N, C-alpha and C. Protein backbone atom coordinates (compact mmCIF):
# COMPACT_ATOMS: atom_id res chain seq x y z
N UNK A 1 4.88 -12.10 7.41
CA UNK A 1 4.25 -11.81 6.13
C UNK A 1 2.78 -12.27 6.13
N UNK A 2 2.52 -13.38 6.77
CA UNK A 2 1.13 -13.87 6.84
C UNK A 2 0.24 -12.86 7.56
N UNK A 3 0.84 -12.12 8.48
CA UNK A 3 0.12 -11.08 9.21
C UNK A 3 -0.45 -10.04 8.25
N UNK A 4 0.35 -9.64 7.24
CA UNK A 4 -0.12 -8.66 6.27
C UNK A 4 -1.22 -9.22 5.38
N UNK A 5 -1.14 -10.51 5.05
CA UNK A 5 -2.21 -11.12 4.26
C UNK A 5 -3.53 -11.14 5.02
N UNK A 6 -3.46 -11.42 6.31
CA UNK A 6 -4.67 -11.43 7.13
C UNK A 6 -5.27 -10.03 7.21
N UNK A 7 -4.42 -9.03 7.45
CA UNK A 7 -4.90 -7.65 7.49
C UNK A 7 -5.48 -7.25 6.14
N UNK A 8 -4.80 -7.66 5.06
CA UNK A 8 -5.26 -7.36 3.70
C UNK A 8 -6.67 -7.91 3.48
N UNK A 9 -6.89 -9.16 3.85
CA UNK A 9 -8.22 -9.76 3.66
C UNK A 9 -9.28 -9.10 4.52
N UNK A 10 -8.93 -8.74 5.74
CA UNK A 10 -9.90 -8.05 6.61
C UNK A 10 -10.29 -6.71 6.00
N UNK A 11 -9.29 -5.95 5.54
CA UNK A 11 -9.58 -4.64 4.92
C UNK A 11 -10.39 -4.83 3.64
N UNK A 12 -10.05 -5.85 2.84
CA UNK A 12 -10.77 -6.09 1.58
C UNK A 12 -12.23 -6.44 1.83
N UNK A 13 -12.48 -7.30 2.81
CA UNK A 13 -13.86 -7.69 3.12
C UNK A 13 -14.65 -6.51 3.67
N UNK A 14 -14.02 -5.74 4.55
CA UNK A 14 -14.70 -4.56 5.10
C UNK A 14 -14.99 -3.55 3.99
N UNK A 15 -14.02 -3.32 3.10
CA UNK A 15 -14.22 -2.37 2.00
C UNK A 15 -15.35 -2.83 1.09
N UNK A 16 -15.39 -4.13 0.79
CA UNK A 16 -16.45 -4.65 -0.07
C UNK A 16 -17.82 -4.43 0.55
N UNK A 17 -17.95 -4.73 1.85
CA UNK A 17 -19.26 -4.56 2.49
C UNK A 17 -19.66 -3.09 2.55
N UNK A 18 -18.68 -2.22 2.79
CA UNK A 18 -18.95 -0.78 2.84
C UNK A 18 -19.39 -0.26 1.48
N UNK A 19 -18.65 -0.60 0.42
CA UNK A 19 -19.00 -0.15 -0.92
C UNK A 19 -20.32 -0.77 -1.38
N UNK A 20 -20.57 -2.03 -0.98
CA UNK A 20 -21.82 -2.69 -1.35
C UNK A 20 -23.02 -1.96 -0.76
N UNK A 21 -22.92 -1.58 0.51
CA UNK A 21 -24.03 -0.85 1.15
C UNK A 21 -24.27 0.49 0.46
N UNK A 22 -23.19 1.22 0.16
CA UNK A 22 -23.33 2.52 -0.50
C UNK A 22 -23.96 2.36 -1.87
N UNK A 23 -23.44 1.41 -2.67
CA UNK A 23 -23.95 1.25 -4.02
C UNK A 23 -25.39 0.74 -4.01
N UNK A 24 -25.73 -0.13 -3.07
CA UNK A 24 -27.11 -0.62 -2.98
C UNK A 24 -28.07 0.52 -2.69
N UNK A 25 -27.67 1.42 -1.78
CA UNK A 25 -28.51 2.58 -1.45
C UNK A 25 -28.64 3.50 -2.66
N UNK A 26 -27.52 3.74 -3.36
CA UNK A 26 -27.56 4.62 -4.53
C UNK A 26 -28.42 4.04 -5.64
N UNK A 27 -28.30 2.73 -5.88
CA UNK A 27 -29.11 2.09 -6.92
C UNK A 27 -30.59 2.16 -6.56
N UNK A 28 -30.92 1.94 -5.28
CA UNK A 28 -32.32 2.02 -4.85
C UNK A 28 -32.87 3.42 -5.06
N UNK A 29 -32.08 4.45 -4.68
CA UNK A 29 -32.54 5.83 -4.86
C UNK A 29 -32.70 6.18 -6.33
N UNK A 30 -31.76 5.74 -7.17
CA UNK A 30 -31.87 6.02 -8.60
C UNK A 30 -33.08 5.32 -9.20
N UNK A 31 -33.34 4.09 -8.80
CA UNK A 31 -34.51 3.38 -9.32
C UNK A 31 -35.81 4.05 -8.90
N UNK A 32 -35.86 4.57 -7.67
CA UNK A 32 -37.07 5.28 -7.23
C UNK A 32 -37.25 6.57 -8.04
N UNK A 33 -36.13 7.24 -8.32
CA UNK A 33 -36.21 8.52 -9.01
C UNK A 33 -36.57 8.35 -10.49
N UNK A 34 -36.00 7.32 -11.14
CA UNK A 34 -36.19 7.15 -12.58
C UNK A 34 -37.24 6.10 -12.93
N UNK A 35 -37.98 5.59 -11.95
CA UNK A 35 -38.97 4.54 -12.24
C UNK A 35 -40.09 5.05 -13.13
N UNK A 36 -40.38 6.34 -13.04
CA UNK A 36 -41.46 6.90 -13.87
C UNK A 36 -41.08 6.89 -15.35
N UNK A 37 -39.77 7.00 -15.64
CA UNK A 37 -39.31 7.02 -17.03
C UNK A 37 -39.07 5.61 -17.58
N UNK A 38 -39.15 4.61 -16.74
CA UNK A 38 -38.93 3.24 -17.19
C UNK A 38 -37.47 2.83 -17.21
N UNK A 39 -36.59 3.64 -16.63
CA UNK A 39 -35.17 3.31 -16.59
C UNK A 39 -34.89 2.48 -15.34
N UNK A 40 -34.08 1.42 -15.51
CA UNK A 40 -33.74 0.56 -14.36
C UNK A 40 -32.22 0.48 -14.23
N UNK A 41 -31.73 0.70 -13.02
CA UNK A 41 -30.30 0.63 -12.74
C UNK A 41 -29.98 -0.68 -12.03
N UNK A 42 -28.80 -1.21 -12.29
CA UNK A 42 -28.37 -2.47 -11.69
C UNK A 42 -27.04 -2.27 -10.98
N UNK A 43 -26.73 -3.18 -10.07
CA UNK A 43 -25.45 -3.11 -9.36
C UNK A 43 -24.37 -3.76 -10.21
N UNK A 44 -23.16 -3.20 -10.12
CA UNK A 44 -22.01 -3.75 -10.84
C UNK A 44 -21.07 -4.37 -9.82
N UNK A 45 -21.11 -5.69 -9.74
CA UNK A 45 -20.30 -6.38 -8.73
C UNK A 45 -18.82 -6.41 -9.11
N UNK A 46 -18.52 -6.36 -10.41
CA UNK A 46 -17.12 -6.40 -10.85
C UNK A 46 -16.33 -5.23 -10.31
N UNK A 47 -16.90 -4.04 -10.37
CA UNK A 47 -16.20 -2.86 -9.87
C UNK A 47 -16.06 -2.92 -8.35
N UNK A 48 -17.05 -3.51 -7.66
CA UNK A 48 -16.95 -3.65 -6.21
C UNK A 48 -15.80 -4.57 -5.83
N UNK A 49 -15.67 -5.70 -6.52
CA UNK A 49 -14.57 -6.62 -6.22
C UNK A 49 -13.23 -5.98 -6.53
N UNK A 50 -13.15 -5.29 -7.67
CA UNK A 50 -11.88 -4.67 -8.05
C UNK A 50 -11.46 -3.63 -7.03
N UNK A 51 -12.37 -2.76 -6.65
CA UNK A 51 -12.03 -1.73 -5.66
C UNK A 51 -11.72 -2.34 -4.31
N UNK A 52 -12.43 -3.40 -3.95
CA UNK A 52 -12.22 -4.02 -2.64
C UNK A 52 -10.83 -4.60 -2.51
N UNK A 53 -10.29 -5.11 -3.61
CA UNK A 53 -8.98 -5.74 -3.51
C UNK A 53 -7.84 -4.81 -3.92
N UNK A 54 -8.15 -3.61 -4.39
CA UNK A 54 -7.09 -2.64 -4.67
C UNK A 54 -6.89 -1.68 -3.50
N UNK A 55 -7.93 -1.32 -2.79
CA UNK A 55 -7.81 -0.38 -1.67
C UNK A 55 -6.89 -0.87 -0.56
N UNK A 56 -6.95 -2.16 -0.17
CA UNK A 56 -6.05 -2.60 0.90
C UNK A 56 -4.57 -2.43 0.55
N UNK A 57 -4.23 -2.55 -0.73
CA UNK A 57 -2.83 -2.33 -1.12
C UNK A 57 -2.43 -0.90 -0.79
N UNK A 58 -3.30 0.03 -1.09
CA UNK A 58 -3.05 1.44 -0.78
C UNK A 58 -2.90 1.66 0.72
N UNK A 59 -3.83 1.10 1.52
CA UNK A 59 -3.78 1.29 2.97
C UNK A 59 -2.58 0.60 3.59
N UNK A 60 -2.26 -0.60 3.12
CA UNK A 60 -1.11 -1.31 3.68
C UNK A 60 0.20 -0.59 3.36
N UNK A 61 0.27 0.06 2.21
CA UNK A 61 1.47 0.86 1.90
C UNK A 61 1.62 2.00 2.89
N UNK A 62 0.50 2.65 3.23
CA UNK A 62 0.55 3.75 4.20
C UNK A 62 0.96 3.22 5.58
N UNK A 63 0.34 2.11 6.01
CA UNK A 63 0.66 1.55 7.33
C UNK A 63 2.12 1.11 7.38
N UNK A 64 2.58 0.44 6.33
CA UNK A 64 3.96 -0.03 6.30
C UNK A 64 4.93 1.14 6.31
N UNK A 65 4.63 2.16 5.52
CA UNK A 65 5.51 3.32 5.45
C UNK A 65 5.53 4.11 6.75
N UNK A 66 4.41 4.15 7.44
CA UNK A 66 4.34 4.95 8.66
C UNK A 66 4.98 4.25 9.86
N UNK A 67 4.86 2.94 9.95
CA UNK A 67 5.27 2.25 11.18
C UNK A 67 6.48 1.34 11.04
N UNK A 68 6.72 0.79 9.84
CA UNK A 68 7.72 -0.27 9.75
C UNK A 68 8.97 0.11 8.97
N UNK A 69 9.01 1.27 8.37
CA UNK A 69 10.23 1.69 7.66
C UNK A 69 11.20 2.29 8.65
N UNK A 70 12.46 2.04 8.40
CA UNK A 70 13.48 2.56 9.32
C UNK A 70 14.32 3.61 8.64
């Protein structure tokens, strides 16, 4: 069981870093585009954490169903 927790944390950390890079790039592009209008966009870390810790549950269900069910 500890094996699944370790995999879960690895997937969660990887997902967070992946989503963080994407959102950082999107926020930068939006700020460049809307800077003339005075609009400023910010990053939402709450949604990043939520998605990071929900996605591994989805992936682990697929892995468990594909390899460990009899």
